[in-house]
Amino acid sequence: MRQLIAAILFVVFGAPEAQEYQTVRGDTLQNAADELRMSVEELASANPDVRLRSGETVTDGGIVTDNEVAAPLEQVAAIDLYSQPTPVPPSSNENEFTAYVTGYGSPDNDCGGRGGDCTWYDGKEGHAGGDGTYDHPIALAVGEHSGYEYGQIFYLPYLKAYVKAQDTCASCDAGKQGRIWIDAWHGQDTGPEDELYDCQSAHTGFHTVIQDPAPDHTVVVGGLFERGVCRRNYGD
């Protein structure tokens, strides 16, 4: 129900009365202007400092301030006064791109000629591993001149795994067909070597990669090649 509040404002020297109107659910500026028997343009002119919001009170000849600030009256003449803005999703630092992704394991891990699961990047030595979760990402080798910092985290949607830059890939600096090249750790050789290579080959290709991912992406916990079982390709 619309409410028309008629008020006589006695000001020094006998100022003329002003009509006030308090908006209710479903109102538009046109409704408010009609209640005050004036045009929308006259309503906006009479209330130049008012900002439209739920429960706003406007007059036909003065300024009625409000606690909440929204769009200027003249910009929302035909908008429901009680409509709420669409929620804006939280800002995200995720950077999604397509990269050439390959795999490596202990048999083809150079690491200064030592092989095995050792890693070396940006002067930091460690051991490859990880279970693909955000807190324990799988080791990732990147180009020595890629610009990625040690510990940079990525998410690979097609493998449902988080990976972390902690090793160097000699070939990755060259890229592949104009795309960034990264190399994901596939684990120790715990079975026939050709099975590990087959798994690495199955995971090789151009895939979506998310840099600086949120920590709540779906994860399949475990290694990419574990106990002779190769992680399936879930698609991008």
Protein backbone atom coordinates (compact mmCIF):
# COMPACT_ATOMS: atom_id res chain seq x y z
CA MET A 1 0.00 0.00 0.00
CA ARG A 2 1.35 3.35 -1.01
CA GLN A 3 1.50 5.99 1.67
CA LEU A 4 1.14 9.68 1.00
CA ILE A 5 2.40 11.69 3.90
CA ALA A 6 1.13 15.24 3.79
CA ALA A 7 3.21 17.54 5.94
CA ILE A 8 3.02 21.25 6.50
CA LEU A 9 6.52 22.57 7.14
CA PHE A 10 6.44 25.86 8.94
CA VAL A 11 9.72 27.59 8.32
CA VAL A 12 10.80 31.07 9.32
CA PHE A 13 8.95 33.71 7.34
CA GLY A 14 6.15 31.34 6.49
CA ALA A 15 7.66 28.94 3.98
CA PRO A 16 5.04 27.17 1.84
CA GLU A 17 4.00 23.62 2.70
CA ALA A 18 5.77 20.70 1.04
CA GLN A 19 4.24 17.37 0.09
CA GLU A 20 6.23 14.26 1.05
CA TYR A 21 5.93 10.75 -0.33
CA GLN A 22 7.44 7.63 1.16
CA THR A 23 7.97 4.86 -1.35
CA VAL A 24 6.76 1.31 -0.79
CA ARG A 25 7.41 -2.06 -2.41
CA GLY A 26 6.86 -2.09 -6.16
CA ASP A 27 7.12 1.68 -6.62
CA THR A 28 8.92 3.41 -9.45
CA LEU A 29 9.91 7.04 -9.69
CA GLN A 30 6.94 7.53 -11.99
CA ASN A 31 4.62 6.33 -9.22
CA ALA A 32 6.23 8.71 -6.75
CA ALA A 33 5.99 11.60 -9.20
CA ASP A 34 2.31 10.81 -9.85
CA GLU A 35 1.54 10.81 -6.11
CA LEU A 36 3.12 14.26 -5.83
CA ARG A 37 1.40 15.38 -9.03
CA MET A 38 4.58 16.27 -10.81
CA SER A 39 6.79 14.88 -13.58
CA VAL A 40 9.77 12.63 -12.98
CA GLU A 41 12.03 15.44 -14.15
CA GLU A 42 10.46 17.85 -11.65
CA LEU A 43 10.83 15.26 -8.91
CA ALA A 44 14.52 14.84 -9.65
CA SER A 45 15.00 18.60 -9.82
CA ALA A 46 13.25 19.09 -6.48
CA ASN A 47 15.44 16.45 -4.83
CA PRO A 48 18.88 16.93 -6.41
CA ASP A 49 20.89 15.46 -3.55
CA VAL A 50 18.69 12.48 -2.83
CA ARG A 51 19.96 8.97 -3.64
CA LEU A 52 17.32 6.38 -4.46
CA ARG A 53 16.91 3.50 -2.04
CA SER A 54 14.25 1.35 -0.40
CA GLY A 55 11.92 3.41 1.81
CA GLU A 56 13.16 6.72 0.39
CA THR A 57 11.15 9.83 1.19
CA VAL A 58 10.94 12.49 -1.51
CA THR A 59 9.19 15.86 -1.62
CA ASP A 60 7.75 18.13 -4.22
CA GLY A 61 9.87 21.08 -3.19
CA GLY A 62 12.82 20.23 -0.98
CA ILE A 63 15.62 17.83 -0.18
CA VAL A 64 15.07 14.89 2.11
CA THR A 65 18.32 13.10 2.91
CA ASP A 66 18.63 9.36 3.39
CA ASN A 67 21.13 7.14 5.18
CA GLU A 68 21.75 4.85 2.22
CA VAL A 69 23.39 5.87 -1.05
CA ALA A 70 22.55 4.44 -4.45
CA ALA A 71 22.09 5.80 -7.96
CA PRO A 72 21.05 9.44 -8.55
CA LEU A 73 17.30 9.85 -9.13
CA GLU A 74 17.60 10.96 -12.72
CA GLN A 75 19.45 7.77 -13.64
CA VAL A 76 16.80 5.32 -12.43
CA ALA A 77 13.48 6.82 -13.48
CA ALA A 78 11.86 3.53 -14.50
CA ILE A 79 13.49 1.11 -12.05
CA ASP A 80 11.70 -0.65 -9.23
CA LEU A 81 12.68 1.26 -6.12
CA TYR A 82 12.89 -1.97 -4.13
CA SER A 83 14.86 -4.04 -6.58
CA GLN A 84 18.22 -5.18 -5.27
CA PRO A 85 21.43 -5.17 -7.32
CA THR A 86 22.74 -8.50 -8.57
CA PRO A 87 25.40 -9.71 -6.11
CA VAL A 88 28.90 -9.31 -7.47
CA PRO A 89 30.99 -12.45 -7.00
CA PRO A 90 34.17 -12.03 -4.94
CA SER A 91 37.13 -10.90 -6.97
CA SER A 92 39.45 -13.69 -7.93
CA ASN A 93 43.11 -13.72 -8.87
CA GLU A 94 42.75 -16.88 -10.90
CA ASN A 95 44.39 -16.73 -14.30
CA GLU A 96 43.19 -19.38 -16.73
CA PHE A 97 45.14 -20.18 -19.88
CA THR A 98 46.03 -23.04 -22.22
CA ALA A 99 49.45 -24.64 -21.83
CA TYR A 100 51.33 -27.59 -23.24
CA VAL A 101 51.49 -30.11 -20.40
CA THR A 102 53.84 -33.08 -20.35
CA GLY A 103 54.93 -35.52 -17.64
CA TYR A 104 58.17 -36.82 -16.20
CA GLY A 105 59.19 -39.42 -13.66
CA SER A 106 62.25 -40.86 -12.01
CA PRO A 107 63.63 -42.57 -15.18
CA ASP A 108 63.76 -39.33 -17.18
CA ASN A 109 64.46 -36.94 -14.33
CA ASP A 110 67.84 -35.33 -14.92
CA CYS A 111 68.34 -33.24 -11.78
CA GLY A 112 72.07 -32.79 -12.22
CA GLY A 113 72.52 -36.35 -13.42
CA ARG A 114 71.26 -37.80 -10.14
CA GLY A 115 67.80 -38.81 -11.35
CA GLY A 116 65.29 -40.20 -8.88
CA ASP A 117 62.86 -37.78 -7.27
CA CYS A 118 65.20 -34.87 -6.63
CA THR A 119 64.15 -31.39 -7.76
CA TRP A 120 66.10 -28.23 -8.34
CA TYR A 121 64.69 -24.78 -9.04
CA ASP A 122 65.77 -21.25 -8.31
CA GLY A 123 68.61 -22.46 -6.11
CA LYS A 124 66.33 -24.66 -4.03
CA GLU A 125 66.75 -28.41 -3.87
CA GLY A 126 64.02 -30.77 -2.82
CA HIS A 127 62.13 -33.95 -3.60
CA ALA A 128 59.25 -34.42 -6.00
CA GLY A 129 56.00 -35.73 -4.65
CA GLY A 130 52.65 -34.41 -3.51
CA ASP A 131 49.15 -35.82 -3.52
CA GLY A 132 47.49 -33.17 -5.68
CA THR A 133 45.74 -31.29 -2.86
CA TYR A 134 46.13 -27.55 -2.39
CA ASP A 135 48.25 -28.09 0.73
CA HIS A 136 50.39 -30.81 -0.87
CA PRO A 137 50.54 -30.07 -4.59
CA ILE A 138 52.33 -32.35 -7.02
CA ALA A 139 55.77 -31.23 -8.17
CA LEU A 140 55.90 -29.29 -11.43
CA ALA A 141 58.87 -28.49 -13.62
CA VAL A 142 58.85 -25.19 -15.52
CA GLY A 143 61.22 -23.38 -17.82
CA GLU A 144 64.27 -21.93 -16.11
CA HIS A 145 63.40 -18.54 -17.57
CA SER A 146 59.63 -18.86 -17.21
CA GLY A 147 59.48 -16.14 -14.60
CA TYR A 148 57.45 -18.30 -12.23
CA GLU A 149 58.53 -18.13 -8.62
CA TYR A 150 59.46 -21.24 -6.67
CA GLY A 151 56.26 -22.53 -5.07
CA GLN A 152 53.92 -21.01 -7.67
CA ILE A 153 50.71 -23.06 -7.53
CA PHE A 154 48.59 -24.11 -10.50
CA TYR A 155 45.51 -26.28 -10.90
CA LEU A 156 45.08 -28.78 -13.74
CA PRO A 157 41.33 -29.35 -14.28
CA TYR A 158 41.83 -32.32 -16.59
CA LEU A 159 43.76 -34.17 -13.88
CA LYS A 160 41.89 -32.64 -10.92
CA ALA A 161 45.16 -31.86 -9.21
CA TYR A 162 47.09 -28.91 -7.82
CA VAL A 163 50.73 -28.67 -8.88
CA LYS A 164 53.60 -26.52 -7.64
CA ALA A 165 56.63 -25.12 -9.48
CA GLN A 166 59.66 -26.65 -7.82
CA ASP A 167 61.73 -28.14 -10.61
CA THR A 168 63.32 -27.08 -13.89
CA CYS A 169 62.42 -28.43 -17.30
CA ALA A 170 65.22 -28.02 -19.86
CA SER A 171 62.88 -28.07 -22.85
CA CYS A 172 60.09 -25.97 -21.36
CA ASP A 173 61.65 -22.58 -22.06
CA ALA A 174 61.10 -23.21 -25.78
CA GLY A 175 57.35 -23.49 -25.30
CA LYS A 176 55.14 -25.37 -27.74
CA GLN A 177 53.29 -23.73 -30.62
CA GLY A 178 53.38 -20.41 -28.84
CA ARG A 179 52.08 -21.86 -25.58
CA ILE A 180 53.75 -22.19 -22.19
CA TRP A 181 55.20 -25.64 -21.56
CA ILE A 182 55.05 -27.22 -18.10
CA ASP A 183 56.04 -30.72 -16.95
CA ALA A 184 54.16 -32.54 -14.16
CA TRP A 185 55.77 -35.12 -11.89
CA HIS A 186 54.40 -38.61 -12.44
CA GLY A 187 56.27 -40.42 -9.71
CA GLN A 188 58.81 -43.11 -9.15
CA ASP A 189 59.06 -46.04 -11.52
CA THR A 190 57.23 -48.65 -9.48
CA GLY A 191 56.44 -50.99 -12.35
CA PRO A 192 57.41 -51.61 -15.97
CA GLU A 193 59.05 -48.44 -17.19
CA ASP A 194 56.95 -48.38 -20.34
CA GLU A 195 53.75 -48.11 -18.25
CA LEU A 196 55.04 -44.93 -16.63
CA TYR A 197 55.95 -43.53 -20.04
CA ASP A 198 52.55 -44.53 -21.41
CA CYS A 199 50.89 -42.62 -18.57
CA GLN A 200 53.01 -39.53 -19.20
CA SER A 201 52.12 -39.75 -22.88
CA ALA A 202 48.41 -40.08 -22.09
CA HIS A 203 48.55 -36.85 -20.10
CA THR A 204 50.53 -34.91 -22.69
CA GLY A 205 48.78 -32.25 -24.71
CA PHE A 206 47.33 -28.74 -24.69
CA HIS A 207 45.18 -28.31 -21.62
CA THR A 208 43.57 -25.65 -19.45
CA VAL A 209 45.77 -24.50 -16.57
CA ILE A 210 44.73 -22.19 -13.73
CA GLN A 211 47.41 -20.04 -12.14
CA ASP A 212 46.84 -18.77 -8.58
CA PRO A 213 43.82 -21.06 -8.17
CA ALA A 214 41.30 -20.94 -5.37
CA PRO A 215 41.86 -23.73 -2.83
CA ASP A 216 38.43 -25.33 -3.32
CA HIS A 217 38.70 -26.95 -6.75
CA THR A 218 37.79 -30.63 -6.99
CA VAL A 219 40.75 -32.90 -6.26
CA VAL A 220 41.43 -36.57 -6.81
CA VAL A 221 43.93 -37.28 -4.04
CA GLY A 222 47.04 -39.21 -5.00
CA GLY A 223 49.85 -39.32 -7.52
CA LEU A 224 49.37 -39.09 -11.27
CA PHE A 225 50.90 -42.56 -11.67
CA GLU A 226 50.54 -44.57 -8.50
CA ARG A 227 51.01 -48.28 -7.90
CA GLY A 228 50.95 -48.87 -11.61
CA VAL A 229 47.67 -46.98 -12.09
CA CYS A 230 47.55 -43.93 -14.36
CA ARG A 231 45.28 -41.02 -13.43
CA ARG A 232 42.38 -40.77 -15.85
CA ASN A 233 41.85 -37.71 -18.02
CA TYR A 234 38.77 -35.89 -16.70
CA GLY A 235 38.71 -33.32 -19.51
CA ASP A 236 39.12 -29.58 -19.38
